[in-house]
Amino acid sequence: MTGGPVVAAPAPGHGPDEVTARRRFVTVSFLFWFPIGMSIATGVLLFTERGMGLAAIAGFYAAHSLTAAAMELPTGGLSDVIG
C-alpha cells in the first residue's frame, strides 16, 4: 500500500438520505449539461445564420458525436496501457 490517508466509509445512517442524494444528483447533472445544451443551441443559430440548412447542421453534430464516441475507446485503452 502507498502511504496515503485512510478514509473510512460513513457508518450506516450517517449519509444523506435518498431524497437529498437524488436532489444533489439532479442539481449536479443540470449544472453539467445545461451549458452544453446552451452551446448547442447557439451553435445551431450561428450555423443557420451562416447559411447552413438544418439537415447539414444535424449531420455536422452527428459526425462530431460519432467521432468523439469512436475515439473514446481507443484513447481510453491507450491510457490504460501507458498508466
N, C-alpha and C. Protein backbone atom coordinates (compact mmCIF):
# COMPACT_ATOMS: atom_id res chain seq x y z
N MET A 1 0.83 -1.19 0.00
CA MET A 1 0.00 0.00 0.00
C MET A 1 0.87 1.24 0.00
N THR A 2 0.32 2.29 -0.53
CA THR A 2 1.02 3.57 -0.50
C THR A 2 0.73 4.27 0.81
N GLY A 3 1.47 5.29 1.11
CA GLY A 3 1.35 5.97 2.39
C GLY A 3 0.30 7.06 2.41
N GLY A 4 -0.82 6.88 1.72
CA GLY A 4 -1.87 7.90 1.70
C GLY A 4 -2.78 7.78 2.90
N PRO A 5 -3.60 8.78 3.12
CA PRO A 5 -4.52 8.74 4.25
C PRO A 5 -5.60 7.68 4.03
N VAL A 6 -6.03 7.09 5.10
CA VAL A 6 -7.08 6.09 5.05
C VAL A 6 -8.40 6.79 5.37
N VAL A 7 -9.36 6.65 4.47
CA VAL A 7 -10.66 7.28 4.66
C VAL A 7 -11.68 6.18 4.89
N ALA A 8 -12.34 6.24 6.03
CA ALA A 8 -13.33 5.22 6.36
C ALA A 8 -14.67 5.59 5.73
N ALA A 9 -15.42 4.56 5.38
CA ALA A 9 -16.77 4.79 4.85
C ALA A 9 -17.67 5.26 5.98
N PRO A 10 -18.66 6.09 5.66
CA PRO A 10 -19.55 6.55 6.72
C PRO A 10 -20.35 5.38 7.30
N ALA A 11 -20.64 5.49 8.57
CA ALA A 11 -21.43 4.46 9.23
C ALA A 11 -22.84 4.47 8.64
N PRO A 12 -23.51 3.32 8.67
CA PRO A 12 -24.87 3.27 8.14
C PRO A 12 -25.76 4.31 8.84
N GLY A 13 -26.53 5.02 8.05
CA GLY A 13 -27.42 6.02 8.61
C GLY A 13 -26.79 7.38 8.79
N HIS A 14 -25.50 7.54 8.41
CA HIS A 14 -24.83 8.82 8.59
C HIS A 14 -24.57 9.54 7.27
N GLY A 15 -25.16 9.10 6.19
CA GLY A 15 -25.01 9.77 4.91
C GLY A 15 -26.30 10.49 4.57
N PRO A 16 -26.34 11.13 3.41
CA PRO A 16 -27.58 11.80 3.02
C PRO A 16 -28.66 10.76 2.73
N ASP A 17 -29.89 11.12 3.04
CA ASP A 17 -30.97 10.19 2.75
C ASP A 17 -31.21 10.16 1.23
N GLU A 18 -32.13 9.31 0.80
CA GLU A 18 -32.34 9.10 -0.63
C GLU A 18 -32.82 10.37 -1.33
N VAL A 19 -33.70 11.12 -0.70
CA VAL A 19 -34.24 12.33 -1.32
C VAL A 19 -33.14 13.38 -1.49
N THR A 20 -32.31 13.55 -0.47
CA THR A 20 -31.21 14.52 -0.55
C THR A 20 -30.20 14.10 -1.60
N ALA A 21 -29.87 12.82 -1.66
CA ALA A 21 -28.92 12.33 -2.65
C ALA A 21 -29.46 12.53 -4.06
N ARG A 22 -30.74 12.24 -4.26
CA ARG A 22 -31.35 12.41 -5.58
C ARG A 22 -31.37 13.89 -5.98
N ARG A 23 -31.69 14.76 -5.03
CA ARG A 23 -31.72 16.20 -5.30
C ARG A 23 -30.32 16.70 -5.69
N ARG A 24 -29.31 16.24 -4.99
CA ARG A 24 -27.94 16.64 -5.32
C ARG A 24 -27.55 16.14 -6.71
N PHE A 25 -27.92 14.90 -7.02
CA PHE A 25 -27.59 14.33 -8.33
C PHE A 25 -28.25 15.12 -9.45
N VAL A 26 -29.53 15.44 -9.28
CA VAL A 26 -30.25 16.20 -10.31
C VAL A 26 -29.64 17.59 -10.47
N THR A 27 -29.29 18.23 -9.36
CA THR A 27 -28.69 19.56 -9.43
C THR A 27 -27.35 19.53 -10.15
N VAL A 28 -26.50 18.58 -9.80
CA VAL A 28 -25.19 18.48 -10.44
C VAL A 28 -25.34 18.12 -11.92
N SER A 29 -26.26 17.22 -12.24
CA SER A 29 -26.49 16.86 -13.65
C SER A 29 -26.96 18.07 -14.45
N PHE A 30 -27.88 18.84 -13.88
CA PHE A 30 -28.37 20.04 -14.56
C PHE A 30 -27.24 21.03 -14.77
N LEU A 31 -26.45 21.27 -13.73
CA LEU A 31 -25.37 22.25 -13.84
C LEU A 31 -24.29 21.80 -14.82
N PHE A 32 -24.16 20.49 -15.04
CA PHE A 32 -23.19 19.99 -16.01
C PHE A 32 -23.72 20.10 -17.44
N TRP A 33 -24.97 19.66 -17.68
CA TRP A 33 -25.49 19.56 -19.03
C TRP A 33 -26.10 20.85 -19.56
N PHE A 34 -26.55 21.76 -18.70
CA PHE A 34 -27.19 22.99 -19.17
C PHE A 34 -26.27 23.84 -20.04
N PRO A 35 -25.03 24.11 -19.65
CA PRO A 35 -24.16 24.91 -20.53
C PRO A 35 -23.89 24.23 -21.87
N ILE A 36 -23.81 22.90 -21.87
CA ILE A 36 -23.58 22.18 -23.11
C ILE A 36 -24.78 22.34 -24.03
N GLY A 37 -25.98 22.22 -23.47
CA GLY A 37 -27.19 22.43 -24.27
C GLY A 37 -27.29 23.84 -24.81
N MET A 38 -26.89 24.80 -24.01
CA MET A 38 -26.93 26.19 -24.47
C MET A 38 -25.93 26.43 -25.60
N SER A 39 -24.78 25.79 -25.54
CA SER A 39 -23.80 25.98 -26.61
C SER A 39 -24.28 25.32 -27.90
N ILE A 40 -24.99 24.20 -27.80
CA ILE A 40 -25.53 23.57 -29.00
C ILE A 40 -26.59 24.46 -29.63
N ALA A 41 -27.45 25.05 -28.80
CA ALA A 41 -28.50 25.93 -29.32
C ALA A 41 -27.90 27.15 -30.02
N THR A 42 -26.90 27.76 -29.42
CA THR A 42 -26.28 28.92 -30.07
C THR A 42 -25.50 28.50 -31.31
N GLY A 43 -24.95 27.30 -31.31
CA GLY A 43 -24.26 26.80 -32.50
C GLY A 43 -25.22 26.62 -33.66
N VAL A 44 -26.40 26.08 -33.39
CA VAL A 44 -27.40 25.92 -34.44
C VAL A 44 -27.80 27.28 -35.00
N LEU A 45 -28.00 28.25 -34.13
CA LEU A 45 -28.34 29.60 -34.60
C LEU A 45 -27.21 30.19 -35.44
N LEU A 46 -25.98 29.99 -35.01
CA LEU A 46 -24.83 30.52 -35.76
C LEU A 46 -24.73 29.89 -37.14
N PHE A 47 -24.84 28.56 -37.20
CA PHE A 47 -24.72 27.88 -38.49
C PHE A 47 -25.89 28.22 -39.41
N THR A 48 -27.08 28.39 -38.84
CA THR A 48 -28.23 28.80 -39.64
C THR A 48 -28.01 30.20 -40.21
N GLU A 49 -27.48 31.08 -39.39
CA GLU A 49 -27.20 32.45 -39.84
C GLU A 49 -26.16 32.46 -40.97
N ARG A 50 -25.27 31.51 -40.96
CA ARG A 50 -24.22 31.45 -42.00
C ARG A 50 -24.65 30.66 -43.23
N GLY A 51 -25.93 30.27 -43.28
CA GLY A 51 -26.47 29.68 -44.49
C GLY A 51 -26.59 28.17 -44.52
N MET A 52 -26.28 27.48 -43.45
CA MET A 52 -26.41 26.02 -43.45
C MET A 52 -27.86 25.63 -43.19
N GLY A 53 -28.30 24.55 -43.81
CA GLY A 53 -29.63 24.03 -43.55
C GLY A 53 -29.64 23.18 -42.29
N LEU A 54 -30.84 22.88 -41.80
CA LEU A 54 -30.93 22.10 -40.56
C LEU A 54 -30.40 20.68 -40.74
N ALA A 55 -30.60 20.10 -41.95
CA ALA A 55 -30.07 18.75 -42.19
C ALA A 55 -28.54 18.75 -42.16
N ALA A 56 -27.92 19.77 -42.71
CA ALA A 56 -26.46 19.87 -42.69
C ALA A 56 -25.94 20.07 -41.27
N ILE A 57 -26.66 20.87 -40.50
CA ILE A 57 -26.25 21.10 -39.10
C ILE A 57 -26.38 19.81 -38.31
N ALA A 58 -27.48 19.08 -38.52
CA ALA A 58 -27.67 17.81 -37.83
C ALA A 58 -26.57 16.82 -38.22
N GLY A 59 -26.21 16.79 -39.49
CA GLY A 59 -25.12 15.92 -39.94
C GLY A 59 -23.79 16.31 -39.32
N PHE A 60 -23.56 17.61 -39.20
CA PHE A 60 -22.33 18.10 -38.57
C PHE A 60 -22.25 17.65 -37.12
N TYR A 61 -23.33 17.84 -36.36
CA TYR A 61 -23.33 17.43 -34.96
C TYR A 61 -23.27 15.91 -34.82
N ALA A 62 -23.92 15.17 -35.73
CA ALA A 62 -23.86 13.71 -35.68
C ALA A 62 -22.44 13.22 -35.96
N ALA A 63 -21.78 13.81 -36.95
CA ALA A 63 -20.40 13.41 -37.25
C ALA A 63 -19.49 13.72 -36.08
N HIS A 64 -19.69 14.86 -35.45
CA HIS A 64 -18.88 15.22 -34.28
C HIS A 64 -19.10 14.22 -33.15
N SER A 65 -20.35 13.89 -32.87
CA SER A 65 -20.66 12.96 -31.78
C SER A 65 -20.12 11.57 -32.05
N LEU A 66 -20.28 11.09 -33.28
CA LEU A 66 -19.78 9.75 -33.62
C LEU A 66 -18.25 9.70 -33.57
N THR A 67 -17.60 10.75 -34.01
CA THR A 67 -16.14 10.80 -33.93
C THR A 67 -15.67 10.79 -32.48
N ALA A 68 -16.32 11.57 -31.64
CA ALA A 68 -15.95 11.60 -30.22
C ALA A 68 -16.17 10.24 -29.58
N ALA A 69 -17.30 9.59 -29.89
CA ALA A 69 -17.58 8.27 -29.32
C ALA A 69 -16.59 7.23 -29.83
N ALA A 70 -16.24 7.29 -31.12
CA ALA A 70 -15.31 6.32 -31.69
C ALA A 70 -13.90 6.48 -31.14
N MET A 71 -13.52 7.69 -30.80
CA MET A 71 -12.17 7.93 -30.30
C MET A 71 -12.04 7.72 -28.79
N GLU A 72 -13.16 7.63 -28.10
CA GLU A 72 -13.10 7.46 -26.65
C GLU A 72 -12.51 6.11 -26.26
N LEU A 73 -12.94 5.05 -26.93
CA LEU A 73 -12.45 3.72 -26.57
C LEU A 73 -10.96 3.54 -26.85
N PRO A 74 -10.46 3.90 -28.05
CA PRO A 74 -9.01 3.72 -28.27
C PRO A 74 -8.15 4.55 -27.33
N THR A 75 -8.53 5.79 -27.07
CA THR A 75 -7.71 6.61 -26.19
C THR A 75 -7.81 6.14 -24.75
N GLY A 76 -8.97 5.61 -24.35
CA GLY A 76 -9.10 5.04 -23.01
C GLY A 76 -8.23 3.80 -22.85
N GLY A 77 -8.21 2.95 -23.88
CA GLY A 77 -7.34 1.78 -23.84
C GLY A 77 -5.88 2.15 -23.83
N LEU A 78 -5.51 3.16 -24.59
CA LEU A 78 -4.13 3.63 -24.61
C LEU A 78 -3.71 4.16 -23.25
N SER A 79 -4.58 4.91 -22.61
CA SER A 79 -4.23 5.43 -21.28
C SER A 79 -4.12 4.31 -20.25
N ASP A 80 -4.90 3.24 -20.42
CA ASP A 80 -4.77 2.10 -19.52
C ASP A 80 -3.42 1.40 -19.71
N VAL A 81 -2.95 1.32 -20.95
CA VAL A 81 -1.68 0.67 -21.22
C VAL A 81 -0.51 1.51 -20.71
N ILE A 82 -0.58 2.82 -20.95
CA ILE A 82 0.51 3.70 -20.54
C ILE A 82 0.55 3.85 -19.02
N GLY A 83 -0.61 3.92 -18.44
CA GLY A 83 -0.65 4.00 -16.98
C GLY A 83 -1.07 5.34 -16.55
